[in-house]
Structures are given as structure tokens and as C-alpha cells.
Amino acid sequence: MKLFYGAAIQGAKDRGERAFINRAVIELIKSEGYDVVSEHTTGRSKEETAELLERAIGPLPPSGPQRTIYVRRKMIESIEGDIDAAIFEVSIPSIGTGIEIAYACLRPRKGLTEIPILTLYQRDYWSNGLSSMVKGITPEELPKFYLKDYENLDNAKLYVTEFLRRLSKPLSA
């Protein structure tokens, strides 16, 4: 099974700290037997992030507008592609991650299979809290959308494990 993993990388107070969390969650996902489309959110620097992106989506154009357009298109292709679920770490506000979540949520409107989506929010990490645009998604609107507040990395890992195990159960379960 293949998963998309998204998280903010530009607005982090400390890219290394959030990269550590993203890496730990991605390693857990992989240890459970799932493939992750891209691991670029584990980059501790812009250079490392670019290297990880290249591994996932191919050679990047030189820095500038063409690179930005290329990366955006490739991320959307990944979300609209052959994935079975998506996990997003949303503790840091991110327009990019918000757009990725929207594409994942709107897959059925494009004739694509609906996928389960897990969003993880580290309680009290960001001073203004979680956006209403994410917090306001209801089970009636999106029954396969799960928002989990976590206190620490171990807590987040429990939610991820629970989510992944639910994915691997037959539909009749």
C-alpha cells in the first residue's frame, strides 16, 4: 500500500525539530509495510529537502519559478495518483499542506477513489492553534477524515499505528 505524507517545511520555527518528527512518523509507516510517496518533509535543510524531492519526483529544474511549478505539479500528481491513504502533520500553519489536504479530500469529485486521511496536530505547538479550515471538517462531511491531537511523538505514533492497522483490515471488518 502507498501513502502520501505531507507536512509544513517552510514555516517551521526549527526545520530540524519538525524534520525529526516527520522522519519518525515516516519510519513508523514504512516499518508497518507501507510505501511513502515522498520523504522530503524529513529534510533538515533546503538542500537536503531538494535531494529528497529529487529521489521521489526526479531531477528538479534550477531554483526559481520553473522549479516551484514543477514541484507543485508533482505533489498534486502524487495525491491524485495511486495512493491508498494520506497522513498530514498539521501543527505548523502551511498553505501548501492545506492545498494538499484539499486535493486529498476532493479526490472523489475528480472521479478518483476516496481515501482515508489522518491529520496529526501537536496540541499547543503553534501559538494560534489549528486552523478552522482543518478543525471544522466533520465526520458527516468526510467520514474518512480523522483529526488527532497529540501531546508528544509517542502519542502521535500510537494514532498512526491505529490508522494504519485500520487500513489493513478488510472492508467488511
N, C-alpha and C. Protein backbone atom coordinates (compact mmCIF):
# COMPACT_ATOMS: atom_id res chain seq x y z
N MET A 1 0.85 -1.18 0.00
CA MET A 1 0.00 0.00 0.00
C MET A 1 0.89 1.24 0.00
N LYS A 2 0.38 2.28 -0.62
CA LYS A 2 1.15 3.51 -0.78
C LYS A 2 0.43 4.67 -0.10
N LEU A 3 1.20 5.49 0.64
CA LEU A 3 0.65 6.63 1.35
C LEU A 3 1.34 7.91 0.92
N PHE A 4 0.57 8.99 0.96
CA PHE A 4 1.14 10.33 0.80
C PHE A 4 1.32 10.90 2.19
N TYR A 5 2.48 11.50 2.46
CA TYR A 5 2.72 12.15 3.75
C TYR A 5 3.04 13.61 3.48
N GLY A 6 2.31 14.49 4.14
CA GLY A 6 2.54 15.92 3.95
C GLY A 6 2.69 16.63 5.28
N ALA A 7 3.52 17.67 5.28
CA ALA A 7 3.74 18.49 6.47
C ALA A 7 4.41 19.79 6.04
N ALA A 8 4.26 20.81 6.86
CA ALA A 8 4.90 22.10 6.58
C ALA A 8 6.41 21.97 6.66
N ILE A 9 7.09 22.61 5.74
CA ILE A 9 8.55 22.64 5.82
C ILE A 9 9.08 24.07 5.78
N GLN A 10 8.33 25.00 5.24
CA GLN A 10 8.82 26.37 5.11
C GLN A 10 8.66 27.18 6.39
N GLY A 11 7.55 27.01 7.10
CA GLY A 11 7.26 27.90 8.21
C GLY A 11 7.67 27.41 9.58
N ALA A 12 8.41 26.33 9.64
CA ALA A 12 8.81 25.77 10.93
C ALA A 12 9.74 26.71 11.67
N LYS A 13 9.56 26.79 12.98
CA LYS A 13 10.47 27.57 13.82
C LYS A 13 11.88 26.97 13.70
N ASP A 14 11.92 25.65 13.69
CA ASP A 14 13.17 24.91 13.62
C ASP A 14 12.94 23.72 12.68
N ARG A 15 13.43 23.82 11.47
CA ARG A 15 13.19 22.78 10.46
C ARG A 15 13.66 21.42 10.96
N GLY A 16 14.77 21.38 11.68
CA GLY A 16 15.30 20.11 12.18
C GLY A 16 14.37 19.43 13.16
N GLU A 17 13.74 20.20 14.03
CA GLU A 17 12.83 19.62 15.02
C GLU A 17 11.64 18.97 14.33
N ARG A 18 11.04 19.66 13.40
CA ARG A 18 9.88 19.11 12.71
C ARG A 18 10.31 17.99 11.76
N ALA A 19 11.51 18.11 11.17
CA ALA A 19 12.02 17.04 10.32
C ALA A 19 12.16 15.76 11.14
N PHE A 20 12.59 15.87 12.38
CA PHE A 20 12.73 14.71 13.26
C PHE A 20 11.38 14.03 13.46
N ILE A 21 10.36 14.82 13.72
CA ILE A 21 9.01 14.26 13.92
C ILE A 21 8.53 13.60 12.62
N ASN A 22 8.69 14.29 11.50
CA ASN A 22 8.27 13.73 10.22
C ASN A 22 9.02 12.43 9.91
N ARG A 23 10.31 12.42 10.17
CA ARG A 23 11.11 11.22 9.92
C ARG A 23 10.63 10.06 10.80
N ALA A 24 10.36 10.33 12.06
CA ALA A 24 9.91 9.27 12.97
C ALA A 24 8.57 8.69 12.51
N VAL A 25 7.67 9.55 12.09
CA VAL A 25 6.35 9.07 11.63
C VAL A 25 6.51 8.29 10.32
N ILE A 26 7.31 8.79 9.40
CA ILE A 26 7.51 8.10 8.13
C ILE A 26 8.19 6.74 8.35
N GLU A 27 9.17 6.69 9.23
CA GLU A 27 9.83 5.41 9.54
C GLU A 27 8.82 4.41 10.12
N LEU A 28 7.92 4.88 10.95
CA LEU A 28 6.87 4.02 11.50
C LEU A 28 5.98 3.49 10.38
N ILE A 29 5.56 4.37 9.48
CA ILE A 29 4.72 3.98 8.35
C ILE A 29 5.42 2.89 7.54
N LYS A 30 6.69 3.10 7.23
CA LYS A 30 7.45 2.13 6.45
C LYS A 30 7.63 0.81 7.21
N SER A 31 7.83 0.90 8.53
CA SER A 31 8.01 -0.33 9.33
C SER A 31 6.74 -1.18 9.35
N GLU A 32 5.60 -0.56 9.09
CA GLU A 32 4.33 -1.28 9.04
C GLU A 32 4.06 -1.84 7.64
N GLY A 33 5.05 -1.68 6.72
CA GLY A 33 4.94 -2.28 5.40
C GLY A 33 4.35 -1.38 4.31
N TYR A 34 4.22 -0.10 4.58
CA TYR A 34 3.66 0.84 3.61
C TYR A 34 4.77 1.60 2.91
N ASP A 35 4.52 1.98 1.66
CA ASP A 35 5.43 2.85 0.91
C ASP A 35 4.97 4.29 1.10
N VAL A 36 5.92 5.20 1.20
CA VAL A 36 5.63 6.62 1.32
C VAL A 36 6.08 7.28 0.02
N VAL A 37 5.17 8.04 -0.59
CA VAL A 37 5.44 8.65 -1.90
C VAL A 37 6.68 9.53 -1.88
N SER A 38 6.80 10.39 -0.89
CA SER A 38 7.95 11.28 -0.79
C SER A 38 8.30 11.50 0.68
N GLU A 39 9.59 11.54 0.93
CA GLU A 39 10.06 11.76 2.29
C GLU A 39 10.71 13.13 2.44
N HIS A 40 10.39 14.06 1.55
CA HIS A 40 11.06 15.36 1.55
C HIS A 40 10.81 16.18 2.82
N THR A 41 9.74 15.88 3.56
CA THR A 41 9.47 16.63 4.78
C THR A 41 10.45 16.29 5.90
N THR A 42 11.32 15.30 5.65
CA THR A 42 12.32 14.93 6.66
C THR A 42 13.62 15.70 6.47
N GLY A 43 13.69 16.52 5.45
CA GLY A 43 14.90 17.30 5.19
C GLY A 43 15.14 18.32 6.30
N ARG A 44 16.38 18.39 6.77
CA ARG A 44 16.74 19.33 7.85
C ARG A 44 17.23 20.67 7.30
N SER A 45 17.40 20.74 5.98
CA SER A 45 17.84 21.97 5.33
C SER A 45 17.17 22.03 3.95
N LYS A 46 17.25 23.20 3.31
CA LYS A 46 16.69 23.32 1.95
C LYS A 46 17.38 22.36 0.99
N GLU A 47 18.69 22.23 1.14
CA GLU A 47 19.46 21.35 0.26
C GLU A 47 19.05 19.89 0.44
N GLU A 48 18.93 19.46 1.69
CA GLU A 48 18.53 18.07 1.94
C GLU A 48 17.10 17.83 1.46
N THR A 49 16.23 18.80 1.65
CA THR A 49 14.85 18.67 1.17
C THR A 49 14.84 18.52 -0.34
N ALA A 50 15.64 19.31 -1.05
CA ALA A 50 15.72 19.22 -2.52
C ALA A 50 16.23 17.84 -2.95
N GLU A 51 17.24 17.31 -2.25
CA GLU A 51 17.76 15.97 -2.57
C GLU A 51 16.67 14.91 -2.40
N LEU A 52 15.93 15.00 -1.32
CA LEU A 52 14.86 14.03 -1.05
C LEU A 52 13.73 14.16 -2.08
N LEU A 53 13.43 15.39 -2.47
CA LEU A 53 12.42 15.59 -3.52
C LEU A 53 12.87 14.95 -4.83
N GLU A 54 14.14 15.14 -5.19
CA GLU A 54 14.65 14.56 -6.43
C GLU A 54 14.55 13.05 -6.43
N ARG A 55 14.80 12.42 -5.29
CA ARG A 55 14.67 10.96 -5.19
C ARG A 55 13.23 10.53 -5.47
N ALA A 56 12.27 11.35 -5.04
CA ALA A 56 10.86 10.99 -5.17
C ALA A 56 10.26 11.36 -6.53
N ILE A 57 10.63 12.53 -7.05
CA ILE A 57 9.93 13.02 -8.25
C ILE A 57 10.83 13.24 -9.45
N GLY A 58 12.10 12.95 -9.33
CA GLY A 58 13.02 13.11 -10.44
C GLY A 58 13.79 14.41 -10.37
N PRO A 59 14.68 14.62 -11.35
CA PRO A 59 15.54 15.81 -11.35
C PRO A 59 14.72 17.10 -11.29
N LEU A 60 15.17 18.00 -10.44
CA LEU A 60 14.49 19.28 -10.27
C LEU A 60 15.07 20.32 -11.23
N PRO A 61 14.21 21.16 -11.77
CA PRO A 61 14.72 22.31 -12.54
C PRO A 61 15.54 23.22 -11.62
N PRO A 62 16.34 24.12 -12.19
CA PRO A 62 17.09 25.06 -11.35
C PRO A 62 16.14 25.88 -10.46
N SER A 63 16.66 26.37 -9.35
CA SER A 63 15.84 27.19 -8.44
C SER A 63 15.18 28.31 -9.21
N GLY A 64 13.95 28.60 -8.82
CA GLY A 64 13.20 29.66 -9.47
C GLY A 64 11.78 29.22 -9.76
N PRO A 65 11.07 30.01 -10.56
CA PRO A 65 9.65 29.73 -10.82
C PRO A 65 9.40 28.35 -11.44
N GLN A 66 10.26 27.91 -12.36
CA GLN A 66 10.02 26.62 -13.01
C GLN A 66 10.11 25.47 -12.01
N ARG A 67 11.04 25.58 -11.06
CA ARG A 67 11.15 24.54 -10.02
C ARG A 67 9.89 24.53 -9.16
N THR A 68 9.44 25.70 -8.77
CA THR A 68 8.24 25.81 -7.93
C THR A 68 7.04 25.17 -8.62
N ILE A 69 6.86 25.48 -9.88
CA ILE A 69 5.73 24.94 -10.66
C ILE A 69 5.87 23.42 -10.77
N TYR A 70 7.07 22.94 -11.07
CA TYR A 70 7.32 21.51 -11.23
C TYR A 70 7.01 20.75 -9.93
N VAL A 71 7.51 21.24 -8.81
CA VAL A 71 7.29 20.56 -7.52
C VAL A 71 5.80 20.55 -7.18
N ARG A 72 5.13 21.67 -7.37
CA ARG A 72 3.69 21.73 -7.10
C ARG A 72 2.95 20.69 -7.92
N ARG A 73 3.22 20.65 -9.20
CA ARG A 73 2.54 19.69 -10.09
C ARG A 73 2.80 18.25 -9.67
N LYS A 74 4.04 17.95 -9.33
CA LYS A 74 4.40 16.59 -8.94
C LYS A 74 3.72 16.18 -7.61
N MET A 75 3.62 17.11 -6.68
CA MET A 75 2.94 16.80 -5.41
C MET A 75 1.45 16.53 -5.65
N ILE A 76 0.83 17.33 -6.51
CA ILE A 76 -0.58 17.11 -6.84
C ILE A 76 -0.76 15.79 -7.55
N GLU A 77 0.13 15.48 -8.49
CA GLU A 77 0.07 14.18 -9.18
C GLU A 77 0.18 13.04 -8.17
N SER A 78 1.01 13.20 -7.16
CA SER A 78 1.16 12.16 -6.14
C SER A 78 -0.14 11.97 -5.35
N ILE A 79 -0.77 13.07 -4.99
CA ILE A 79 -2.01 12.99 -4.21
C ILE A 79 -3.15 12.43 -5.06
N GLU A 80 -3.15 12.77 -6.32
CA GLU A 80 -4.20 12.28 -7.22
C GLU A 80 -3.84 10.93 -7.84
N GLY A 81 -2.68 10.42 -7.50
CA GLY A 81 -2.21 9.17 -8.08
C GLY A 81 -2.67 7.95 -7.33
N ASP A 82 -1.89 6.91 -7.46
CA ASP A 82 -2.21 5.59 -6.93
C ASP A 82 -1.80 5.50 -5.45
N ILE A 83 -2.53 6.22 -4.59
CA ILE A 83 -2.27 6.13 -3.16
C ILE A 83 -3.49 5.54 -2.47
N ASP A 84 -3.24 4.92 -1.33
CA ASP A 84 -4.31 4.27 -0.58
C ASP A 84 -4.78 5.10 0.61
N ALA A 85 -3.97 6.07 1.02
CA ALA A 85 -4.30 6.92 2.16
C ALA A 85 -3.33 8.09 2.19
N ALA A 86 -3.64 9.04 3.06
CA ALA A 86 -2.74 10.19 3.26
C ALA A 86 -2.67 10.52 4.74
N ILE A 87 -1.49 10.94 5.15
CA ILE A 87 -1.27 11.39 6.52
C ILE A 87 -0.63 12.77 6.44
N PHE A 88 -1.17 13.71 7.22
CA PHE A 88 -0.64 15.07 7.25
C PHE A 88 -0.34 15.46 8.69
N GLU A 89 0.83 16.06 8.90
CA GLU A 89 1.18 16.64 10.19
C GLU A 89 0.89 18.12 10.04
N VAL A 90 -0.07 18.64 10.84
CA VAL A 90 -0.59 20.00 10.62
C VAL A 90 -0.32 20.96 11.78
N SER A 91 0.70 20.69 12.56
CA SER A 91 0.97 21.54 13.73
C SER A 91 1.44 22.93 13.36
N ILE A 92 2.05 23.08 12.19
CA ILE A 92 2.52 24.38 11.71
C ILE A 92 1.61 24.83 10.58
N PRO A 93 1.11 26.06 10.63
CA PRO A 93 0.26 26.54 9.53
C PRO A 93 1.03 26.48 8.22
N SER A 94 0.35 26.00 7.18
CA SER A 94 1.00 25.87 5.88
C SER A 94 -0.05 25.92 4.78
N ILE A 95 0.07 26.91 3.94
CA ILE A 95 -0.83 26.99 2.80
C ILE A 95 -0.62 25.77 1.90
N GLY A 96 0.63 25.39 1.69
CA GLY A 96 0.92 24.24 0.84
C GLY A 96 0.30 22.95 1.37
N THR A 97 0.47 22.70 2.65
CA THR A 97 -0.12 21.49 3.24
C THR A 97 -1.64 21.57 3.18
N GLY A 98 -2.19 22.75 3.37
CA GLY A 98 -3.64 22.92 3.26
C GLY A 98 -4.15 22.58 1.86
N ILE A 99 -3.40 23.00 0.85
CA ILE A 99 -3.77 22.68 -0.53
C ILE A 99 -3.68 21.18 -0.76
N GLU A 100 -2.64 20.55 -0.23
CA GLU A 100 -2.51 19.10 -0.37
C GLU A 100 -3.69 18.38 0.30
N ILE A 101 -4.08 18.84 1.47
CA ILE A 101 -5.23 18.24 2.17
C ILE A 101 -6.49 18.40 1.31
N ALA A 102 -6.67 19.58 0.75
CA ALA A 102 -7.85 19.82 -0.09
C ALA A 102 -7.87 18.86 -1.28
N TYR A 103 -6.74 18.70 -1.94
CA TYR A 103 -6.69 17.76 -3.07
C TYR A 103 -7.02 16.34 -2.61
N ALA A 104 -6.52 15.94 -1.47
CA ALA A 104 -6.81 14.59 -0.96
C ALA A 104 -8.30 14.45 -0.65
N CYS A 105 -8.88 15.46 -0.03
CA CYS A 105 -10.31 15.42 0.33
C CYS A 105 -11.22 15.44 -0.90
N LEU A 106 -10.78 16.11 -1.94
CA LEU A 106 -11.62 16.30 -3.13
C LEU A 106 -11.40 15.24 -4.22
N ARG A 107 -10.64 14.23 -3.93
CA ARG A 107 -10.41 13.16 -4.92
C ARG A 107 -11.71 12.63 -5.53
N PRO A 108 -12.74 12.33 -4.72
CA PRO A 108 -13.97 11.79 -5.32
C PRO A 108 -14.62 12.73 -6.33
N ARG A 109 -14.49 14.03 -6.13
CA ARG A 109 -15.08 14.99 -7.08
C ARG A 109 -14.37 14.95 -8.43
N LYS A 110 -13.16 14.41 -8.44
CA LYS A 110 -12.41 14.28 -9.70
C LYS A 110 -12.53 12.87 -10.26
N GLY A 111 -13.44 12.07 -9.68
CA GLY A 111 -13.63 10.71 -10.16
C GLY A 111 -12.60 9.73 -9.63
N LEU A 112 -11.85 10.14 -8.61
CA LEU A 112 -10.83 9.28 -8.02
C LEU A 112 -11.38 8.61 -6.75
N THR A 113 -10.77 7.54 -6.36
CA THR A 113 -11.19 6.81 -5.16
C THR A 113 -11.02 7.68 -3.92
N GLU A 114 -12.02 7.66 -3.06
CA GLU A 114 -11.90 8.33 -1.77
C GLU A 114 -10.88 7.57 -0.93
N ILE A 115 -10.05 8.31 -0.21
CA ILE A 115 -9.02 7.68 0.62
C ILE A 115 -9.18 8.12 2.07
N PRO A 116 -8.77 7.28 3.00
CA PRO A 116 -8.72 7.71 4.40
C PRO A 116 -7.60 8.75 4.57
N ILE A 117 -7.87 9.74 5.42
CA ILE A 117 -6.91 10.82 5.66
C ILE A 117 -6.77 10.99 7.17
N LEU A 118 -5.53 10.95 7.64
CA LEU A 118 -5.23 11.21 9.05
C LEU A 118 -4.48 12.52 9.14
N THR A 119 -4.97 13.43 9.99
CA THR A 119 -4.24 14.66 10.27
C THR A 119 -3.81 14.63 11.73
N LEU A 120 -2.56 14.97 11.96
CA LEU A 120 -1.98 14.98 13.30
C LEU A 120 -1.66 16.42 13.70
N TYR A 121 -2.11 16.80 14.87
CA TYR A 121 -1.87 18.16 15.35
C TYR A 121 -1.27 18.09 16.75
N GLN A 122 -0.05 18.62 16.90
CA GLN A 122 0.59 18.64 18.21
C GLN A 122 0.00 19.78 19.02
N ARG A 123 -0.78 19.40 19.99
CA ARG A 123 -1.51 20.36 20.83
C ARG A 123 -0.57 21.42 21.40
N ASP A 124 -0.97 22.66 21.26
CA ASP A 124 -0.26 23.82 21.81
C ASP A 124 1.12 24.08 21.21
N TYR A 125 1.45 23.44 20.07
CA TYR A 125 2.76 23.69 19.46
C TYR A 125 2.79 25.09 18.85
N TRP A 126 1.74 25.45 18.14
CA TRP A 126 1.68 26.75 17.46
C TRP A 126 0.79 27.67 18.27
N SER A 127 1.24 28.87 18.54
CA SER A 127 0.54 29.77 19.47
C SER A 127 -0.91 30.08 19.09
N ASN A 128 -1.23 30.13 17.80
CA ASN A 128 -2.60 30.46 17.40
C ASN A 128 -3.49 29.24 17.21
N GLY A 129 -2.96 28.07 17.41
CA GLY A 129 -3.75 26.85 17.31
C GLY A 129 -4.00 26.42 15.87
N LEU A 130 -4.82 25.39 15.74
CA LEU A 130 -5.11 24.79 14.45
C LEU A 130 -6.17 25.59 13.70
N SER A 131 -6.00 25.69 12.41
CA SER A 131 -6.93 26.42 11.55
C SER A 131 -8.33 25.82 11.59
N SER A 132 -9.33 26.68 11.56
CA SER A 132 -10.73 26.24 11.49
C SER A 132 -11.01 25.46 10.21
N MET A 133 -10.25 25.72 9.16
CA MET A 133 -10.45 25.03 7.89
C MET A 133 -10.14 23.54 8.01
N VAL A 134 -9.27 23.18 8.96
CA VAL A 134 -8.98 21.76 9.22
C VAL A 134 -9.83 21.28 10.39
N LYS A 135 -9.84 22.06 11.45
CA LYS A 135 -10.58 21.68 12.65
C LYS A 135 -12.08 21.55 12.37
N GLY A 136 -12.57 22.28 11.40
CA GLY A 136 -14.01 22.30 11.13
C GLY A 136 -14.51 21.20 10.21
N ILE A 137 -13.63 20.30 9.76
CA ILE A 137 -14.09 19.18 8.92
C ILE A 137 -14.82 18.19 9.81
N THR A 138 -16.05 17.87 9.42
CA THR A 138 -16.89 16.99 10.24
C THR A 138 -16.95 15.58 9.66
N PRO A 139 -17.26 14.58 10.52
CA PRO A 139 -17.43 13.21 10.03
C PRO A 139 -18.58 13.08 9.02
N GLU A 140 -19.58 13.94 9.15
CA GLU A 140 -20.69 13.91 8.19
C GLU A 140 -20.21 14.35 6.81
N GLU A 141 -19.34 15.33 6.79
CA GLU A 141 -18.81 15.85 5.53
C GLU A 141 -17.79 14.88 4.91
N LEU A 142 -16.89 14.39 5.74
CA LEU A 142 -15.82 13.48 5.28
C LEU A 142 -15.64 12.35 6.29
N PRO A 143 -16.38 11.27 6.13
CA PRO A 143 -16.31 10.18 7.11
C PRO A 143 -14.95 9.50 7.22
N LYS A 144 -14.09 9.64 6.21
CA LYS A 144 -12.77 9.00 6.25
C LYS A 144 -11.66 9.98 6.65
N PHE A 145 -12.05 11.11 7.22
CA PHE A 145 -11.09 12.13 7.65
C PHE A 145 -10.98 12.07 9.17
N TYR A 146 -9.76 11.91 9.66
CA TYR A 146 -9.53 11.79 11.10
C TYR A 146 -8.55 12.85 11.55
N LEU A 147 -8.92 13.60 12.56
CA LEU A 147 -8.04 14.61 13.16
C LEU A 147 -7.69 14.14 14.56
N LYS A 148 -6.40 14.04 14.83
CA LYS A 148 -5.95 13.59 16.14
C LYS A 148 -4.99 14.61 16.73
N ASP A 149 -5.35 15.10 17.92
CA ASP A 149 -4.45 15.96 18.70
C ASP A 149 -3.49 15.05 19.46
N TYR A 150 -2.22 15.39 19.42
CA TYR A 150 -1.26 14.59 20.19
C TYR A 150 -0.41 15.49 21.06
N GLU A 151 0.12 14.90 22.13
CA GLU A 151 0.94 15.66 23.08
C GLU A 151 2.43 15.52 22.80
N ASN A 152 2.83 14.33 22.35
CA ASN A 152 4.25 14.07 22.11
C ASN A 152 4.38 13.04 20.99
N LEU A 153 5.59 12.77 20.58
CA LEU A 153 5.83 11.88 19.45
C LEU A 153 5.27 10.47 19.70
N ASP A 154 5.44 9.95 20.90
CA ASP A 154 4.91 8.61 21.19
C ASP A 154 3.40 8.57 21.01
N ASN A 155 2.74 9.63 21.44
CA ASN A 155 1.29 9.74 21.29
C ASN A 155 0.91 9.77 19.81
N ALA A 156 1.65 10.53 19.01
CA ALA A 156 1.39 10.61 17.56
C ALA A 156 1.57 9.24 16.92
N LYS A 157 2.62 8.53 17.32
CA LYS A 157 2.89 7.20 16.76
C LYS A 157 1.74 6.23 17.05
N LEU A 158 1.15 6.34 18.22
CA LEU A 158 0.00 5.48 18.54
C LEU A 158 -1.15 5.73 17.57
N TYR A 159 -1.43 7.00 17.28
CA TYR A 159 -2.50 7.34 16.34
C TYR A 159 -2.19 6.83 14.94
N VAL A 160 -0.93 6.94 14.52
CA VAL A 160 -0.54 6.48 13.19
C VAL A 160 -0.69 4.96 13.11
N THR A 161 -0.22 4.25 14.12
CA THR A 161 -0.33 2.79 14.14
C THR A 161 -1.78 2.36 14.08
N GLU A 162 -2.61 3.01 14.86
CA GLU A 162 -4.06 2.72 14.87
C GLU A 162 -4.66 2.93 13.47
N PHE A 163 -4.31 4.03 12.83
CA PHE A 163 -4.80 4.37 11.50
C PHE A 163 -4.36 3.33 10.47
N LEU A 164 -3.08 2.97 10.51
CA LEU A 164 -2.55 2.01 9.56
C LEU A 164 -3.17 0.63 9.74
N ARG A 165 -3.38 0.23 10.96
CA ARG A 165 -3.98 -1.08 11.21
C ARG A 165 -5.42 -1.10 10.71
N ARG A 166 -6.11 0.02 10.85
CA ARG A 166 -7.48 0.13 10.33
C ARG A 166 -7.48 0.00 8.80
N LEU A 167 -6.46 0.53 8.16
CA LEU A 167 -6.35 0.44 6.70
C LEU A 167 -6.18 -1.00 6.23
N SER A 168 -5.44 -1.77 6.99
CA SER A 168 -5.10 -3.12 6.55
C SER A 168 -6.23 -4.13 6.80
N LYS A 169 -7.28 -3.72 7.53
CA LYS A 169 -8.41 -4.62 7.77
C LYS A 169 -9.31 -4.68 6.54
N PRO A 170 -9.92 -5.84 6.29
CA PRO A 170 -10.86 -5.92 5.18
C PRO A 170 -12.02 -4.96 5.38
N LEU A 171 -12.64 -4.53 4.27
CA LEU A 171 -13.74 -3.57 4.33
C LEU A 171 -14.93 -4.07 5.16
N SER A 172 -15.13 -5.37 5.24
CA SER A 172 -16.27 -5.89 5.99
C SER A 172 -16.04 -5.87 7.50
N ALA A 173 -14.81 -5.63 7.93
CA ALA A 173 -14.50 -5.63 9.37
C ALA A 173 -15.02 -4.41 10.07
